[in-house]
Amino acid sequence: MSDDAAIQKYFNANRYYQVFITKFILLTCTGIFCGWLGGFEIISLLSDKEKNGVIISLLSSMRNNQNSSVSTDMGEIAQDKSHIIPLKPIITNFGATPEHMIRLDIALICKNIPDKVLLEMIHQDIIAYFRTISIEQITGPQGFRYLKNDVEEHINLRSKNLVSQVIFRTFIIT
C-alpha cells in the first residue's frame, strides 16, 4: 500500500511540472506567432519600394552582425540618421591626485554630423580637463552636476554649439 501511495504521489508531483511545461511551451509559441503575425501585418502596410528597403537593411545588419546604435567607434553614426555620436572611452588620472583613475563613456547629441577631427579634439579636451581637476571637486551630487556642466561648456566651446547635449554613459572612479 505504501508503494502505491508513493507512486501516486510521484505522478501527482510530476503531473504539476508536466502541466507547467505544457503551458509554458504553448504560451511561448503563441507569443512567437503573434510577433510574427504583427511583423507581417506591419510589412504588408508598406509599399513595395519601402518593403525592399526595410528587408535589405535588416538583412545587411544581420549579415554584418552589428547594431550601429550601440557602436563605440568614434566615427560611426547610426544608420537611421540619429545624431547620437559615442566617443571612445576615456581613461585617465586626475592631475591633483594621480593615484585615482577615472573611466568615462560619453555620447554626444549633435544638431549636425561632426567630422572625425572635431570628435578627436573634443575627446582630447575632455582628457585635458580631467587632468586639471581633483577628486574632491566632483564628490557628491552637486560635484557631478558641476562637472557635467563644465564638460558641456568645454564641448560647446570647441564645437561652436554643434553639440546640444552630453550623455555620460559610464562614470567610474577608482
C-alpha atoms as a PDB file:
ATOM      1  CA  MET A   1       0.000   0.000   0.000  1.00  0.00           C
ATOM      2  CA  SER A   2       2.814   2.390   0.799  1.00  0.00           C
ATOM      3  CA  ASP A   3       4.436   1.711  -2.562  1.00  0.00           C
ATOM      4  CA  ASP A   4       1.191   2.597  -4.355  1.00  0.00           C
ATOM      5  CA  ALA A   5       0.863   5.814  -2.337  1.00  0.00           C
ATOM      6  CA  ALA A   6       4.466   6.788  -3.101  1.00  0.00           C
ATOM      7  CA  ILE A   7       3.972   6.101  -6.804  1.00  0.00           C
ATOM      8  CA  GLN A   8       0.719   8.080  -6.831  1.00  0.00           C
ATOM      9  CA  LYS A   9       2.406  10.983  -5.022  1.00  0.00           C
ATOM     10  CA  TYR A  10       5.280  10.915  -7.542  1.00  0.00           C
ATOM     11  CA  PHE A  11       2.893  11.003 -10.515  1.00  0.00           C
ATOM     12  CA  ASN A  12       0.860  13.851  -8.986  1.00  0.00           C
ATOM     13  CA  ALA A  13       4.003  15.924  -8.406  1.00  0.00           C
ATOM     14  CA  ASN A  14       5.295  15.048 -11.851  1.00  0.00           C
ATOM     15  CA  ARG A  15       1.911  15.972 -13.361  1.00  0.00           C
ATOM     16  CA  TYR A  16       2.210  19.504 -11.961  1.00  0.00           C
ATOM     17  CA  TYR A  17       5.514  20.006 -13.793  1.00  0.00           C
ATOM     18  CA  GLN A  18       4.129  18.485 -16.988  1.00  0.00           C
ATOM     19  CA  VAL A  19       1.195  20.914 -16.950  1.00  0.00           C
ATOM     20  CA  PHE A  20       3.532  23.831 -16.223  1.00  0.00           C
ATOM     21  CA  ILE A  21       5.900  22.923 -19.068  1.00  0.00           C
ATOM     22  CA  THR A  22       2.987  22.389 -21.463  1.00  0.00           C
ATOM     23  CA  LYS A  23       1.515  25.807 -20.624  1.00  0.00           C
ATOM     24  CA  PHE A  24       4.942  27.437 -20.898  1.00  0.00           C
ATOM     25  CA  ILE A  25       5.569  25.959 -24.349  1.00  0.00           C
ATOM     26  CA  LEU A  26       2.062  26.867 -25.514  1.00  0.00           C
ATOM     27  CA  LEU A  27       2.403  30.492 -24.360  1.00  0.00           C
ATOM     28  CA  THR A  28       5.877  30.783 -25.891  1.00  0.00           C
ATOM     29  CA  CYS A  29       4.628  29.500 -29.244  1.00  0.00           C
ATOM     30  CA  THR A  30       1.652  31.873 -29.054  1.00  0.00           C
ATOM     31  CA  GLY A  31       3.989  34.808 -28.410  1.00  0.00           C
ATOM     32  CA  ILE A  32       6.233  33.853 -31.312  1.00  0.00           C
ATOM     33  CA  PHE A  33       3.247  33.518 -33.625  1.00  0.00           C
ATOM     34  CA  CYS A  34       1.779  36.873 -32.530  1.00  0.00           C
ATOM     35  CA  GLY A  35       5.138  38.591 -33.051  1.00  0.00           C
ATOM     36  CA  TRP A  36       5.490  37.073 -36.490  1.00  0.00           C
ATOM     37  CA  LEU A  37       1.912  37.989 -37.389  1.00  0.00           C
ATOM     38  CA  GLY A  38       2.353  41.563 -36.142  1.00  0.00           C
ATOM     39  CA  GLY A  39       5.557  41.983 -38.134  1.00  0.00           C
ATOM     40  CA  PHE A  40       3.881  40.538 -41.212  1.00  0.00           C
ATOM     41  CA  GLU A  41       0.980  42.981 -40.848  1.00  0.00           C
ATOM     42  CA  ILE A  42       3.315  45.954 -40.445  1.00  0.00           C
ATOM     43  CA  ILE A  43       5.285  44.931 -43.528  1.00  0.00           C
ATOM     44  CA  SER A  44       2.064  44.433 -45.512  1.00  0.00           C
ATOM     45  CA  LEU A  45       1.102  48.071 -44.844  1.00  0.00           C
ATOM     46  CA  LEU A  46       4.267  49.347 -46.557  1.00  0.00           C
ATOM     47  CA  SER A  47       4.577  49.940 -50.272  1.00  0.00           C
ATOM     48  CA  ASP A  48       6.731  47.592 -52.351  1.00  0.00           C
ATOM     49  CA  LYS A  49       9.568  50.130 -52.515  1.00  0.00           C
ATOM     50  CA  GLU A  50       9.568  50.597 -48.727  1.00  0.00           C
ATOM     51  CA  LYS A  51       9.385  46.821 -48.189  1.00  0.00           C
ATOM     52  CA  ASN A  52      12.524  46.267 -50.239  1.00  0.00           C
ATOM     53  CA  GLY A  53      14.384  48.967 -48.293  1.00  0.00           C
ATOM     54  CA  VAL A  54      13.356  47.539 -44.927  1.00  0.00           C
ATOM     55  CA  ILE A  55      14.183  43.976 -45.908  1.00  0.00           C
ATOM     56  CA  ILE A  56      17.560  44.945 -47.379  1.00  0.00           C
ATOM     57  CA  SER A  57      18.532  46.961 -44.294  1.00  0.00           C
ATOM     58  CA  LEU A  58      17.514  44.100 -41.979  1.00  0.00           C
ATOM     59  CA  LEU A  59      19.442  41.539 -43.997  1.00  0.00           C
ATOM     60  CA  SER A  60      22.543  43.720 -44.230  1.00  0.00           C
ATOM     61  CA  SER A  61      22.541  44.386 -40.480  1.00  0.00           C
ATOM     62  CA  MET A  62      22.143  40.656 -39.807  1.00  0.00           C
ATOM     63  CA  ARG A  63      24.948  39.859 -42.252  1.00  0.00           C
ATOM     64  CA  ASN A  64      27.288  42.383 -40.640  1.00  0.00           C
ATOM     65  CA  ASN A  65      26.172  41.166 -37.193  1.00  0.00           C
ATOM     66  CA  GLN A  66      26.276  44.628 -35.694  1.00  0.00           C
ATOM     67  CA  ASN A  67      23.956  47.095 -34.067  1.00  0.00           C
ATOM     68  CA  SER A  68      25.032  50.519 -35.242  1.00  0.00           C
ATOM     69  CA  SER A  69      23.261  52.434 -32.475  1.00  0.00           C
ATOM     70  CA  VAL A  70      25.439  50.741 -29.817  1.00  0.00           C
ATOM     71  CA  SER A  71      28.720  51.347 -31.597  1.00  0.00           C
ATOM     72  CA  THR A  72      31.730  52.552 -29.615  1.00  0.00           C
ATOM     73  CA  ASP A  73      33.742  53.675 -32.622  1.00  0.00           C
ATOM     74  CA  MET A  74      34.066  57.450 -32.694  1.00  0.00           C
ATOM     75  CA  GLY A  75      33.327  57.903 -36.366  1.00  0.00           C
ATOM     76  CA  GLU A  76      30.401  55.555 -36.695  1.00  0.00           C
ATOM     77  CA  ILE A  77      26.918  57.018 -36.664  1.00  0.00           C
ATOM     78  CA  ALA A  78      23.643  55.127 -36.531  1.00  0.00           C
ATOM     79  CA  GLN A  79      22.152  54.309 -39.914  1.00  0.00           C
ATOM     80  CA  ASP A  80      18.820  55.881 -39.039  1.00  0.00           C
ATOM     81  CA  LYS A  81      20.445  59.359 -39.017  1.00  0.00           C
ATOM     82  CA  SER A  82      20.038  59.863 -35.294  1.00  0.00           C
ATOM     83  CA  HIS A  83      22.725  62.274 -34.277  1.00  0.00           C
ATOM     84  CA  ILE A  84      23.864  60.407 -31.174  1.00  0.00           C
ATOM     85  CA  ILE A  85      27.602  60.000 -31.503  1.00  0.00           C
ATOM     86  CA  PRO A  86      29.517  57.901 -28.959  1.00  0.00           C
ATOM     87  CA  LEU A  87      33.097  58.881 -28.175  1.00  0.00           C
ATOM     88  CA  LYS A  88      35.855  56.393 -27.461  1.00  0.00           C
ATOM     89  CA  PRO A  89      36.160  55.517 -23.764  1.00  0.00           C
ATOM     90  CA  ILE A  90      38.242  57.973 -21.762  1.00  0.00           C
ATOM     91  CA  ILE A  91      40.600  56.526 -19.161  1.00  0.00           C
ATOM     92  CA  THR A  92      42.855  58.969 -17.340  1.00  0.00           C
ATOM     93  CA  ASN A  93      44.005  60.009 -13.906  1.00  0.00           C
ATOM     94  CA  PHE A  94      43.318  63.257 -12.068  1.00  0.00           C
ATOM     95  CA  GLY A  95      46.039  65.888 -12.124  1.00  0.00           C
ATOM     96  CA  ALA A  96      45.969  66.649  -8.388  1.00  0.00           C
ATOM     97  CA  THR A  97      45.565  63.030  -7.265  1.00  0.00           C
ATOM     98  CA  PRO A  98      47.333  60.766  -9.787  1.00  0.00           C
ATOM     99  CA  GLU A  99      46.582  57.628  -7.755  1.00  0.00           C
ATOM    100  CA  HIS A 100      42.881  57.926  -8.670  1.00  0.00           C
ATOM    101  CA  MET A 101      41.805  56.928 -12.170  1.00  0.00           C
ATOM    102  CA  ILE A 102      38.578  57.730 -13.998  1.00  0.00           C
ATOM    103  CA  ARG A 103      36.833  55.964 -16.851  1.00  0.00           C
ATOM    104  CA  LEU A 104      34.174  57.755 -18.888  1.00  0.00           C
ATOM    105  CA  ASP A 105      31.977  56.687 -21.760  1.00  0.00           C
ATOM    106  CA  ILE A 106      30.393  59.780 -23.249  1.00  0.00           C
ATOM    107  CA  ALA A 107      27.921  60.195 -26.091  1.00  0.00           C
ATOM    108  CA  LEU A 108      27.153  63.476 -27.821  1.00  0.00           C
ATOM    109  CA  ILE A 109      23.786  64.530 -29.193  1.00  0.00           C
ATOM    110  CA  CYS A 110      24.554  66.753 -32.177  1.00  0.00           C
ATOM    111  CA  LYS A 111      22.493  69.060 -34.345  1.00  0.00           C
ATOM    112  CA  ASN A 112      24.585  68.144 -37.405  1.00  0.00           C
ATOM    113  CA  ILE A 113      27.055  65.356 -38.003  1.00  0.00           C
ATOM    114  CA  PRO A 114      30.556  66.478 -36.922  1.00  0.00           C
ATOM    115  CA  ASP A 115      33.749  65.351 -38.606  1.00  0.00           C
ATOM    116  CA  LYS A 116      36.232  62.938 -37.047  1.00  0.00           C
ATOM    117  CA  VAL A 117      38.825  65.635 -36.397  1.00  0.00           C
ATOM    118  CA  LEU A 118      36.388  67.600 -34.232  1.00  0.00           C
ATOM    119  CA  LEU A 119      35.423  64.452 -32.340  1.00  0.00           C
ATOM    120  CA  GLU A 120      39.070  63.678 -31.621  1.00  0.00           C
ATOM    121  CA  MET A 121      39.678  67.253 -30.453  1.00  0.00           C
ATOM    122  CA  ILE A 122      36.665  67.022 -28.115  1.00  0.00           C
ATOM    123  CA  HIS A 123      37.997  63.708 -26.807  1.00  0.00           C
ATOM    124  CA  GLN A 124      41.399  65.261 -26.074  1.00  0.00           C
ATOM    125  CA  ASP A 125      39.811  68.334 -24.447  1.00  0.00           C
ATOM    126  CA  ILE A 126      37.883  66.124 -22.037  1.00  0.00           C
ATOM    127  CA  ILE A 127      41.069  64.261 -21.101  1.00  0.00           C
ATOM    128  CA  ALA A 128      42.908  67.557 -20.561  1.00  0.00           C
ATOM    129  CA  TYR A 129      40.056  68.873 -18.405  1.00  0.00           C
ATOM    130  CA  PHE A 130      40.106  65.830 -16.116  1.00  0.00           C
ATOM    131  CA  ARG A 131      43.854  66.214 -15.684  1.00  0.00           C
ATOM    132  CA  THR A 132      43.237  69.685 -14.162  1.00  0.00           C
ATOM    133  CA  ILE A 133      40.662  68.771 -11.502  1.00  0.00           C
ATOM    134  CA  SER A 134      40.859  66.814  -8.267  1.00  0.00           C
ATOM    135  CA  ILE A 135      38.589  64.085  -6.986  1.00  0.00           C
ATOM    136  CA  GLU A 136      37.378  66.346  -4.166  1.00  0.00           C
ATOM    137  CA  GLN A 137      35.858  68.749  -6.708  1.00  0.00           C
ATOM    138  CA  ILE A 138      33.456  66.134  -8.052  1.00  0.00           C
ATOM    139  CA  THR A 139      32.344  64.375  -4.877  1.00  0.00           C
ATOM    140  CA  GLY A 140      28.639  64.373  -4.163  1.00  0.00           C
ATOM    141  CA  PRO A 141      25.671  65.099  -6.404  1.00  0.00           C
ATOM    142  CA  GLN A 142      26.463  68.808  -6.762  1.00  0.00           C
ATOM    143  CA  GLY A 143      30.027  67.987  -7.762  1.00  0.00           C
ATOM    144  CA  PHE A 144      28.834  65.705 -10.542  1.00  0.00           C
ATOM    145  CA  ARG A 145      26.375  68.349 -11.753  1.00  0.00           C
ATOM    146  CA  TYR A 146      29.154  70.968 -11.856  1.00  0.00           C
ATOM    147  CA  LEU A 147      31.405  68.503 -13.638  1.00  0.00           C
ATOM    148  CA  LYS A 148      28.754  67.751 -16.263  1.00  0.00           C
ATOM    149  CA  ASN A 149      28.121  71.466 -16.820  1.00  0.00           C
ATOM    150  CA  ASP A 150      31.856  72.136 -17.186  1.00  0.00           C
ATOM    151  CA  VAL A 151      32.293  69.295 -19.679  1.00  0.00           C
ATOM    152  CA  GLU A 152      29.278  70.508 -21.690  1.00  0.00           C
ATOM    153  CA  GLU A 153      30.706  74.042 -21.689  1.00  0.00           C
ATOM    154  CA  HIS A 154      34.120  72.824 -22.908  1.00  0.00           C
ATOM    155  CA  ILE A 155      32.485  70.754 -25.651  1.00  0.00           C
ATOM    156  CA  ASN A 156      30.203  73.597 -26.757  1.00  0.00           C
ATOM    157  CA  LEU A 157      33.151  75.997 -26.965  1.00  0.00           C
ATOM    158  CA  ARG A 158      35.159  73.522 -29.029  1.00  0.00           C
ATOM    159  CA  SER A 159      32.282  72.522 -31.314  1.00  0.00           C
ATOM    160  CA  LYS A 160      30.816  76.041 -31.684  1.00  0.00           C
ATOM    161  CA  ASN A 161      27.419  74.895 -30.289  1.00  0.00           C
ATOM    162  CA  LEU A 162      27.182  71.909 -32.650  1.00  0.00           C
ATOM    163  CA  VAL A 163      26.643  69.592 -29.658  1.00  0.00           C
ATOM    164  CA  SER A 164      23.274  70.063 -27.972  1.00  0.00           C
ATOM    165  CA  GLN A 165      23.689  67.614 -25.080  1.00  0.00           C
ATOM    166  CA  VAL A 166      26.321  65.403 -23.448  1.00  0.00           C
ATOM    167  CA  ILE A 167      25.358  61.976 -22.097  1.00  0.00           C
ATOM    168  CA  PHE A 168      27.553  60.251 -19.516  1.00  0.00           C
ATOM    169  CA  ARG A 169      27.094  56.528 -20.149  1.00  0.00           C
ATOM    170  CA  THR A 170      29.750  55.280 -17.742  1.00  0.00           C
ATOM    171  CA  PHE A 171      31.415  57.179 -14.904  1.00  0.00           C
ATOM    172  CA  ILE A 172      33.804  55.090 -12.802  1.00  0.00           C
ATOM    173  CA  ILE A 173      36.382  56.419 -10.349  1.00  0.00           C
ATOM    174  CA  THR A 174      38.973  54.092  -8.800  1.00  0.00           C
END
